[in-house]
Amino acid sequence: MPIHEEHLIRPENLVTHEQLVIDGVDVSGHWSTFIESRVVTDYNEALQDEIAALPGGEQIHRCWQCGSCTNSCTVNAINPDFNPRYWIYLIRMGMESELLRDRDIIWQCVSCNKCTYACPRDVFPEGVMKATAHWLELKGHTPKSPSMHFDEEFAGQVFATGRIEEGRIIRGFFARTGQALMQDWLVEMVKRLLRHLPVKLIVTMGLANVLKPRTRGWGRARAAIEEYVHEREQVQRRALGLDALVKAAASELDQPARGAQP
């Protein structure tokens, strides 16, 4: 399906002639605006399968480009360049290079799920956006996003203890992202908790942050979860060809080293 939205045409592909007459008709200025033709040769035919292999992207093949996701998008209302429908189109067409041009904003999805509720085809657009952001990180196109740091900190604590302690999650997240622990909003929140929560609960929360208690009998459940996560990660690596990329990169690094040997 071709893209018709004017704002999706890159400015560098628009050509306007200040003075132009065609067959005796003056079409100078915006009347002479043309779209330069482009030839895309670097299609990634496996791109849709790669996104579908990641959590949230499984139903991307169901999209019929109605645009309900973009029309209901919270972020699009602020930034028209944030366009889930367009990115899903690029993924299904295998236009990887075009998708990468927006890699700095794709991760900005706020997970409000308005798109998911509006979608008539159960594509789960919010999940596709998360899968796409994860794909960008796994492929090395973008650094790990703050939301991914938080997800990993949250999941790591659950896997280790079978429970979550909000204080440790916040500290771990701040450490991962290089943020200072003593932030004004956090200090104010702690003050209010101290004023309003029962003393026994405050003591229990404090001890939990220090002692890191585990859910009783968590060992077997932890082993099963870790096994499942490992299996899924292997499936994702195969789908994205990450092992092949690592080998290719290692080979390229090894060649200069060999050439430098006497």
C-alpha atoms as a PDB file:
ATOM      1  CA  MET A   1       0.000   0.000   0.000  1.00  0.00           C
ATOM      2  CA  PRO A   2       1.570   3.340  -0.994  1.00  0.00           C
ATOM      3  CA  ILE A   3       2.055   6.135   1.511  1.00  0.00           C
ATOM      4  CA  HIS A   4       0.097   9.292   0.674  1.00  0.00           C
ATOM      5  CA  GLU A   5       0.511  11.495   3.769  1.00  0.00           C
ATOM      6  CA  GLU A   6       2.363  14.656   2.814  1.00  0.00           C
ATOM      7  CA  HIS A   7       4.190  14.942   6.134  1.00  0.00           C
ATOM      8  CA  LEU A   8       5.774  11.512   5.563  1.00  0.00           C
ATOM      9  CA  ILE A   9       7.621  12.741   2.486  1.00  0.00           C
ATOM     10  CA  ARG A  10      11.162  13.641   3.466  1.00  0.00           C
ATOM     11  CA  PRO A  11      11.937  17.346   2.836  1.00  0.00           C
ATOM     12  CA  GLU A  12      15.087  16.455   0.913  1.00  0.00           C
ATOM     13  CA  ASN A  13      12.943  14.540  -1.595  1.00  0.00           C
ATOM     14  CA  LEU A  14      10.805  17.591  -2.459  1.00  0.00           C
ATOM     15  CA  VAL A  15      11.959  19.788  -5.344  1.00  0.00           C
ATOM     16  CA  THR A  16      10.404  23.199  -6.094  1.00  0.00           C
ATOM     17  CA  HIS A  17      11.308  25.453  -9.034  1.00  0.00           C
ATOM     18  CA  GLU A  18      11.025  29.182  -8.474  1.00  0.00           C
ATOM     19  CA  GLN A  19      10.688  29.775 -12.235  1.00  0.00           C
ATOM     20  CA  LEU A  20       9.165  27.050 -14.383  1.00  0.00           C
ATOM     21  CA  VAL A  21       6.927  27.107 -17.437  1.00  0.00           C
ATOM     22  CA  ILE A  22       5.544  23.852 -18.872  1.00  0.00           C
ATOM     23  CA  ASP A  23       3.699  23.923 -22.217  1.00  0.00           C
ATOM     24  CA  GLY A  24       3.129  27.631 -21.831  1.00  0.00           C
ATOM     25  CA  VAL A  25       1.705  27.290 -18.312  1.00  0.00           C
ATOM     26  CA  ASP A  26       3.511  29.043 -15.457  1.00  0.00           C
ATOM     27  CA  VAL A  27       3.876  26.549 -12.606  1.00  0.00           C
ATOM     28  CA  SER A  28       6.495  28.438 -10.637  1.00  0.00           C
ATOM     29  CA  GLY A  29       6.695  28.132  -6.843  1.00  0.00           C
ATOM     30  CA  HIS A  30       4.703  25.486  -4.997  1.00  0.00           C
ATOM     31  CA  TRP A  31       2.833  24.562  -8.182  1.00  0.00           C
ATOM     32  CA  SER A  32       6.045  22.985  -9.446  1.00  0.00           C
ATOM     33  CA  THR A  33       6.720  20.833  -6.384  1.00  0.00           C
ATOM     34  CA  PHE A  34       7.849  17.366  -7.405  1.00  0.00           C
ATOM     35  CA  ILE A  35       8.783  14.291  -5.421  1.00  0.00           C
ATOM     36  CA  GLU A  36      12.138  12.886  -6.426  1.00  0.00           C
ATOM     37  CA  SER A  37      12.022   9.219  -7.290  1.00  0.00           C
ATOM     38  CA  ARG A  38      14.129   6.874  -5.184  1.00  0.00           C
ATOM     39  CA  VAL A  39      15.242   3.309  -5.649  1.00  0.00           C
ATOM     40  CA  VAL A  40      15.393   1.207  -2.499  1.00  0.00           C
ATOM     41  CA  THR A  41      17.637  -1.812  -2.918  1.00  0.00           C
ATOM     42  CA  ASP A  42      18.388  -2.848   0.667  1.00  0.00           C
ATOM     43  CA  TYR A  43      15.150  -4.628   1.516  1.00  0.00           C
ATOM     44  CA  ASN A  44      15.224  -6.894   4.541  1.00  0.00           C
ATOM     45  CA  GLU A  45      12.750  -9.586   3.563  1.00  0.00           C
ATOM     46  CA  ALA A  46      12.946 -11.108   7.038  1.00  0.00           C
ATOM     47  CA  LEU A  47      12.152  -7.862   8.886  1.00  0.00           C
ATOM     48  CA  GLN A  48       8.527  -8.726   9.651  1.00  0.00           C
ATOM     49  CA  ASP A  49       9.536 -12.180  10.900  1.00  0.00           C
ATOM     50  CA  GLU A  50      12.233 -10.623  13.092  1.00  0.00           C
ATOM     51  CA  ILE A  51       9.754  -8.256  14.744  1.00  0.00           C
ATOM     52  CA  ALA A  52       7.176 -11.050  15.069  1.00  0.00           C
ATOM     53  CA  ALA A  53       9.735 -13.162  16.942  1.00  0.00           C
ATOM     54  CA  LEU A  54       9.947 -10.586  19.737  1.00  0.00           C
ATOM     55  CA  PRO A  55       7.384 -10.203  22.543  1.00  0.00           C
ATOM     56  CA  GLY A  56       4.542  -7.960  21.404  1.00  0.00           C
ATOM     57  CA  GLY A  57       5.177  -8.265  17.673  1.00  0.00           C
ATOM     58  CA  GLU A  58       3.490 -11.618  17.075  1.00  0.00           C
ATOM     59  CA  GLN A  59       0.350 -10.213  15.391  1.00  0.00           C
ATOM     60  CA  ILE A  60       1.964  -7.623  13.113  1.00  0.00           C
ATOM     61  CA  HIS A  61       0.927  -9.641  10.039  1.00  0.00           C
ATOM     62  CA  ARG A  62      -2.738  -8.837  10.772  1.00  0.00           C
ATOM     63  CA  CYS A  63      -2.365  -5.085  10.086  1.00  0.00           C
ATOM     64  CA  TRP A  64      -4.415  -3.727   7.168  1.00  0.00           C
ATOM     65  CA  GLN A  65      -3.177  -0.135   7.447  1.00  0.00           C
ATOM     66  CA  CYS A  66      -6.417   1.507   8.554  1.00  0.00           C
ATOM     67  CA  GLY A  67      -4.502   4.066  10.649  1.00  0.00           C
ATOM     68  CA  SER A  68      -6.600   3.680  13.812  1.00  0.00           C
ATOM     69  CA  CYS A  69      -3.426   3.268  15.884  1.00  0.00           C
ATOM     70  CA  THR A  70      -1.898   6.546  14.746  1.00  0.00           C
ATOM     71  CA  ASN A  71      -5.217   8.428  14.991  1.00  0.00           C
ATOM     72  CA  SER A  72      -5.598   7.419  18.642  1.00  0.00           C
ATOM     73  CA  CYS A  73      -1.903   7.735  19.591  1.00  0.00           C
ATOM     74  CA  THR A  74      -1.105   9.959  22.574  1.00  0.00           C
ATOM     75  CA  VAL A  75       2.424  10.719  21.349  1.00  0.00           C
ATOM     76  CA  ASN A  76       1.316  11.413  17.765  1.00  0.00           C
ATOM     77  CA  ALA A  77      -0.977  14.161  19.061  1.00  0.00           C
ATOM     78  CA  ILE A  78       2.169  15.944  20.293  1.00  0.00           C
ATOM     79  CA  ASN A  79       4.655  14.812  17.652  1.00  0.00           C
ATOM     80  CA  PRO A  80       3.190  13.952  14.206  1.00  0.00           C
ATOM     81  CA  ASP A  81       6.437  12.197  13.293  1.00  0.00           C
ATOM     82  CA  PHE A  82       5.518   9.435  15.759  1.00  0.00           C
ATOM     83  CA  ASN A  83       3.488   7.257  13.403  1.00  0.00           C
ATOM     84  CA  PRO A  84       2.916   3.590  14.362  1.00  0.00           C
ATOM     85  CA  ARG A  85       0.911   2.846  11.198  1.00  0.00           C
ATOM     86  CA  TYR A  86       3.742   4.045   8.986  1.00  0.00           C
ATOM     87  CA  TRP A  87       6.390   2.054  10.876  1.00  0.00           C
ATOM     88  CA  ILE A  88       4.306  -1.112  10.697  1.00  0.00           C
ATOM     89  CA  TYR A  89       4.028  -0.507   6.951  1.00  0.00           C
ATOM     90  CA  LEU A  90       7.817  -0.174   6.651  1.00  0.00           C
ATOM     91  CA  ILE A  91       8.358  -3.352   8.661  1.00  0.00           C
ATOM     92  CA  ARG A  92       5.961  -5.374   6.544  1.00  0.00           C
ATOM     93  CA  MET A  93       7.559  -4.023   3.365  1.00  0.00           C
ATOM     94  CA  GLY A  94      11.053  -4.848   4.649  1.00  0.00           C
ATOM     95  CA  MET A  95      12.215  -1.227   4.305  1.00  0.00           C
ATOM     96  CA  GLU A  96      14.789  -1.377   7.092  1.00  0.00           C
ATOM     97  CA  SER A  97      16.781   1.695   6.074  1.00  0.00           C
ATOM     98  CA  GLU A  98      13.627   3.839   6.124  1.00  0.00           C
ATOM     99  CA  LEU A  99      12.688   2.485   9.543  1.00  0.00           C
ATOM    100  CA  LEU A 100      16.132   3.315  10.907  1.00  0.00           C
ATOM    101  CA  ARG A 101      15.673   6.966  10.008  1.00  0.00           C
ATOM    102  CA  ASP A 102      13.158   7.199  12.866  1.00  0.00           C
ATOM    103  CA  ARG A 103      15.097   5.096  15.365  1.00  0.00           C
ATOM    104  CA  ASP A 104      15.512   8.029  17.759  1.00  0.00           C
ATOM    105  CA  ILE A 105      11.778   8.393  18.403  1.00  0.00           C
ATOM    106  CA  ILE A 106      10.297   4.890  18.086  1.00  0.00           C
ATOM    107  CA  TRP A 107      11.132   4.094  21.727  1.00  0.00           C
ATOM    108  CA  GLN A 108       9.030   7.061  22.931  1.00  0.00           C
ATOM    109  CA  CYS A 109       5.824   5.001  23.077  1.00  0.00           C
ATOM    110  CA  VAL A 110       4.221   5.648  26.493  1.00  0.00           C
ATOM    111  CA  SER A 111       2.242   2.363  26.568  1.00  0.00           C
ATOM    112  CA  CYS A 112      -1.108   4.102  27.040  1.00  0.00           C
ATOM    113  CA  ASN A 113      -2.658   1.276  24.939  1.00  0.00           C
ATOM    114  CA  LYS A 114      -5.107   3.593  23.171  1.00  0.00           C
ATOM    115  CA  CYS A 115      -3.896   2.147  19.867  1.00  0.00           C
ATOM    116  CA  THR A 116      -4.503  -1.390  21.078  1.00  0.00           C
ATOM    117  CA  TYR A 117      -8.084  -0.580  22.067  1.00  0.00           C
ATOM    118  CA  ALA A 118      -8.725   1.164  18.724  1.00  0.00           C
ATOM    119  CA  CYS A 119      -7.199  -1.523  16.500  1.00  0.00           C
ATOM    120  CA  PRO A 120      -9.932  -3.527  14.687  1.00  0.00           C
ATOM    121  CA  ARG A 121      -7.531  -6.340  13.804  1.00  0.00           C
ATOM    122  CA  ASP A 122      -6.002  -7.121  17.224  1.00  0.00           C
ATOM    123  CA  VAL A 123      -2.521  -6.255  15.970  1.00  0.00           C
ATOM    124  CA  PHE A 124      -1.549  -5.015  19.452  1.00  0.00           C
ATOM    125  CA  PRO A 125       0.263  -1.925  18.097  1.00  0.00           C
ATOM    126  CA  GLU A 126       1.662  -1.004  21.519  1.00  0.00           C
ATOM    127  CA  GLY A 127       3.385  -4.364  21.639  1.00  0.00           C
ATOM    128  CA  VAL A 128       4.704  -3.892  18.104  1.00  0.00           C
ATOM    129  CA  MET A 129       6.247  -0.565  19.140  1.00  0.00           C
ATOM    130  CA  LYS A 130       7.951  -2.216  22.107  1.00  0.00           C
ATOM    131  CA  ALA A 131       9.126  -5.094  19.923  1.00  0.00           C
ATOM    132  CA  THR A 132      10.505  -2.636  17.372  1.00  0.00           C
ATOM    133  CA  ALA A 133      12.355  -0.661  20.051  1.00  0.00           C
ATOM    134  CA  HIS A 134      13.773  -3.938  21.381  1.00  0.00           C
ATOM    135  CA  TRP A 135      14.785  -4.947  17.848  1.00  0.00           C
ATOM    136  CA  LEU A 136      16.661  -1.681  17.403  1.00  0.00           C
ATOM    137  CA  GLU A 137      18.581  -2.326  20.613  1.00  0.00           C
ATOM    138  CA  LEU A 138      19.374  -5.972  19.845  1.00  0.00           C
ATOM    139  CA  LYS A 139      20.607  -5.050  16.377  1.00  0.00           C
ATOM    140  CA  GLY A 140      22.843  -2.343  17.813  1.00  0.00           C
ATOM    141  CA  HIS A 141      21.064   0.546  16.087  1.00  0.00           C
ATOM    142  CA  THR A 142      20.228   2.330  19.357  1.00  0.00           C
ATOM    143  CA  PRO A 143      21.555   2.222  22.927  1.00  0.00           C
ATOM    144  CA  LYS A 144      19.465   0.493  25.545  1.00  0.00           C
ATOM    145  CA  SER A 145      16.475   2.708  26.366  1.00  0.00           C
ATOM    146  CA  PRO A 146      15.524   3.759  29.933  1.00  0.00           C
ATOM    147  CA  SER A 147      12.364   1.646  29.707  1.00  0.00           C
ATOM    148  CA  MET A 148      14.435  -1.442  28.848  1.00  0.00           C
ATOM    149  CA  HIS A 149      16.741  -0.749  31.802  1.00  0.00           C
ATOM    150  CA  PHE A 150      13.678  -0.586  34.052  1.00  0.00           C
ATOM    151  CA  ASP A 151      12.195  -3.794  32.596  1.00  0.00           C
ATOM    152  CA  GLU A 152      15.464  -5.653  33.144  1.00  0.00           C
ATOM    153  CA  GLU A 153      15.827  -4.372  36.708  1.00  0.00           C
ATOM    154  CA  PHE A 154      12.218  -5.318  37.493  1.00  0.00           C
ATOM    155  CA  ALA A 155      12.455  -8.770  35.898  1.00  0.00           C
ATOM    156  CA  GLY A 156      15.839  -9.479  37.462  1.00  0.00           C
ATOM    157  CA  GLN A 157      14.485  -8.843  40.943  1.00  0.00           C
ATOM    158  CA  VAL A 158      11.439 -11.041  40.326  1.00  0.00           C
ATOM    159  CA  PHE A 159      13.598 -13.873  38.963  1.00  0.00           C
ATOM    160  CA  ALA A 160      15.976 -13.659  41.932  1.00  0.00           C
ATOM    161  CA  THR A 161      13.488 -13.414  44.808  1.00  0.00           C
ATOM    162  CA  GLY A 162       9.967 -14.046  43.485  1.00  0.00           C
ATOM    163  CA  ARG A 163       8.837 -10.622  44.666  1.00  0.00           C
ATOM    164  CA  ILE A 164       9.522  -6.934  44.140  1.00  0.00           C
ATOM    165  CA  GLU A 165      10.704  -4.224  46.511  1.00  0.00           C
ATOM    166  CA  GLU A 166      10.027  -0.790  45.033  1.00  0.00           C
ATOM    167  CA  GLY A 167      12.940   0.852  46.806  1.00  0.00           C
ATOM    168  CA  ARG A 168      15.503  -1.572  45.379  1.00  0.00           C
ATOM    169  CA  ILE A 169      14.001  -1.272  41.909  1.00  0.00           C
ATOM    170  CA  ILE A 170      14.299   2.522  42.004  1.00  0.00           C
ATOM    171  CA  ARG A 171      17.879   2.382  43.269  1.00  0.00           C
ATOM    172  CA  GLY A 172      18.860  -0.192  40.673  1.00  0.00           C
ATOM    173  CA  PHE A 173      17.183   1.738  37.859  1.00  0.00           C
ATOM    174  CA  PHE A 174      18.901   4.984  38.842  1.00  0.00           C
ATOM    175  CA  ALA A 175      22.261   3.196  39.003  1.00  0.00           C
ATOM    176  CA  ARG A 176      21.753   1.677  35.547  1.00  0.00           C
ATOM    177  CA  THR A 177      20.800   5.004  33.977  1.00  0.00           C
ATOM    178  CA  GLY A 178      23.356   7.141  35.814  1.00  0.00           C
ATOM    179  CA  GLN A 179      20.799   9.171  37.761  1.00  0.00           C
ATOM    180  CA  ALA A 180      21.321  10.657  41.207  1.00  0.00           C
ATOM    181  CA  LEU A 181      19.413   8.911  43.983  1.00  0.00           C
ATOM    182  CA  MET A 182      18.572  12.098  45.893  1.00  0.00           C
ATOM    183  CA  GLN A 183      16.007  13.630  43.548  1.00  0.00           C
ATOM    184  CA  ASP A 184      13.528  16.226  44.776  1.00  0.00           C
ATOM    185  CA  TRP A 185      10.414  14.243  43.867  1.00  0.00           C
ATOM    186  CA  LEU A 186      11.761  11.087  45.505  1.00  0.00           C
ATOM    187  CA  VAL A 187      12.744  12.891  48.687  1.00  0.00           C
ATOM    188  CA  GLU A 188       9.270  14.434  48.906  1.00  0.00           C
ATOM    189  CA  MET A 189       7.616  11.037  48.353  1.00  0.00           C
ATOM    190  CA  VAL A 190       9.684   9.465  51.153  1.00  0.00           C
ATOM    191  CA  LYS A 191       8.766  12.313  53.510  1.00  0.00           C
ATOM    192  CA  ARG A 192       5.063  11.777  52.842  1.00  0.00           C
ATOM    193  CA  LEU A 193       5.388   8.019  53.334  1.00  0.00           C
ATOM    194  CA  LEU A 194       7.074   8.577  56.683  1.00  0.00           C
ATOM    195  CA  ARG A 195       4.282  10.948  57.751  1.00  0.00           C
ATOM    196  CA  HIS A 196       1.351   8.775  56.750  1.00  0.00           C
ATOM    197  CA  LEU A 197       2.346   5.080  56.833  1.00  0.00           C
ATOM    198  CA  PRO A 198       2.239   2.977  60.037  1.00  0.00           C
ATOM    199  CA  VAL A 199       5.620   2.581  61.737  1.00  0.00           C
ATOM    200  CA  LYS A 200       5.450  -1.227  61.486  1.00  0.00           C
ATOM    201  CA  LEU A 201       4.975  -1.074  57.717  1.00  0.00           C
ATOM    202  CA  ILE A 202       7.859   1.401  57.313  1.00  0.00           C
ATOM    203  CA  VAL A 203      10.157  -0.903  59.317  1.00  0.00           C
ATOM    204  CA  THR A 204       9.068  -3.923  57.244  1.00  0.00           C
ATOM    205  CA  MET A 205       9.739  -2.083  53.985  1.00  0.00           C
ATOM    206  CA  GLY A 206      13.144  -0.932  55.225  1.00  0.00           C
ATOM    207  CA  LEU A 207      14.195  -4.440  56.267  1.00  0.00           C
ATOM    208  CA  ALA A 208      13.001  -5.865  52.948  1.00  0.00           C
ATOM    209  CA  ASN A 209      15.268  -3.460  51.084  1.00  0.00           C
ATOM    210  CA  VAL A 210      18.259  -4.549  53.150  1.00  0.00           C
ATOM    211  CA  LEU A 211      17.672  -8.282  53.672  1.00  0.00           C
ATOM    212  CA  LYS A 212      16.235  -9.062  50.171  1.00  0.00           C
ATOM    213  CA  PRO A 213      13.758 -11.758  51.331  1.00  0.00           C
ATOM    214  CA  ARG A 214      12.672 -14.469  48.905  1.00  0.00           C
ATOM    215  CA  THR A 215       9.309 -16.076  48.299  1.00  0.00           C
ATOM    216  CA  ARG A 216       9.147 -19.400  50.109  1.00  0.00           C
ATOM    217  CA  GLY A 217       9.896 -22.356  47.821  1.00  0.00           C
ATOM    218  CA  TRP A 218      10.927 -20.058  44.984  1.00  0.00           C
ATOM    219  CA  GLY A 219      13.883 -22.160  43.806  1.00  0.00           C
ATOM    220  CA  ARG A 220      11.965 -24.524  41.484  1.00  0.00           C
ATOM    221  CA  ALA A 221       9.822 -21.753  40.034  1.00  0.00           C
ATOM    222  CA  ARG A 222      12.920 -19.643  39.423  1.00  0.00           C
ATOM    223  CA  ALA A 223      14.649 -22.485  37.585  1.00  0.00           C
ATOM    224  CA  ALA A 224      11.607 -23.050  35.357  1.00  0.00           C
ATOM    225  CA  ILE A 225      11.292 -19.328  34.529  1.00  0.00           C
ATOM    226  CA  GLU A 226      15.000 -18.988  33.755  1.00  0.00           C
ATOM    227  CA  GLU A 227      14.846 -22.037  31.480  1.00  0.00           C
ATOM    228  CA  TYR A 228      11.870 -20.578  29.597  1.00  0.00           C
ATOM    229  CA  VAL A 229      13.522 -17.154  29.276  1.00  0.00           C
ATOM    230  CA  HIS A 230      16.709 -18.770  27.947  1.00  0.00           C
ATOM    231  CA  GLU A 231      14.708 -20.731  25.352  1.00  0.00           C
ATOM    232  CA  ARG A 232      12.901 -17.597  24.179  1.00  0.00           C
ATOM    233  CA  GLU A 233      16.137 -15.628  23.959  1.00  0.00           C
ATOM    234  CA  GLN A 234      17.655 -18.333  21.765  1.00  0.00           C
ATOM    235  CA  VAL A 235      14.620 -18.254  19.462  1.00  0.00           C
ATOM    236  CA  GLN A 236      14.901 -14.477  19.193  1.00  0.00           C
ATOM    237  CA  ARG A 237      18.633 -14.600  18.487  1.00  0.00           C
ATOM    238  CA  ARG A 238      18.103 -17.098  15.692  1.00  0.00           C
ATOM    239  CA  ALA A 239      15.253 -15.059  14.194  1.00  0.00           C
ATOM    240  CA  LEU A 240      17.335 -11.885  14.203  1.00  0.00           C
ATOM    241  CA  GLY A 241      20.520 -13.619  13.085  1.00  0.00           C
ATOM    242  CA  LEU A 242      22.437 -12.136  16.016  1.00  0.00           C
ATOM    243  CA  ASP A 243      24.970 -14.965  16.232  1.00  0.00           C
ATOM    244  CA  ALA A 244      25.841 -14.486  12.554  1.00  0.00           C
ATOM    245  CA  LEU A 245      26.280 -10.740  13.146  1.00  0.00           C
ATOM    246  CA  VAL A 246      28.612 -11.406  16.075  1.00  0.00           C
ATOM    247  CA  LYS A 247      30.697 -13.824  14.001  1.00  0.00           C
ATOM    248  CA  ALA A 248      30.888 -11.358  11.108  1.00  0.00           C
ATOM    249  CA  ALA A 249      31.978  -8.557  13.442  1.00  0.00           C
ATOM    250  CA  ALA A 250      34.603 -10.793  15.058  1.00  0.00           C
ATOM    251  CA  SER A 251      35.897 -11.763  11.613  1.00  0.00           C
ATOM    252  CA  GLU A 252      36.214  -8.116  10.572  1.00  0.00           C
ATOM    253  CA  LEU A 253      38.123  -7.288  13.754  1.00  0.00           C
ATOM    254  CA  ASP A 254      40.385 -10.293  13.281  1.00  0.00           C
ATOM    255  CA  GLN A 255      41.421  -9.406   9.731  1.00  0.00           C
ATOM    256  CA  PRO A 256      43.325  -6.171  10.589  1.00  0.00           C
ATOM    257  CA  ALA A 257      45.024  -7.996  13.449  1.00  0.00           C
ATOM    258  CA  ARG A 258      46.246 -10.708  11.080  1.00  0.00           C
ATOM    259  CA  GLY A 259      47.411  -8.110   8.580  1.00  0.00           C
ATOM    260  CA  ALA A 260      49.498  -6.416  11.256  1.00  0.00           C
ATOM    261  CA  GLN A 261      51.459  -9.599  12.037  1.00  0.00           C
ATOM    262  CA  PRO A 262      55.039  -9.654  10.630  1.00  0.00           C
END
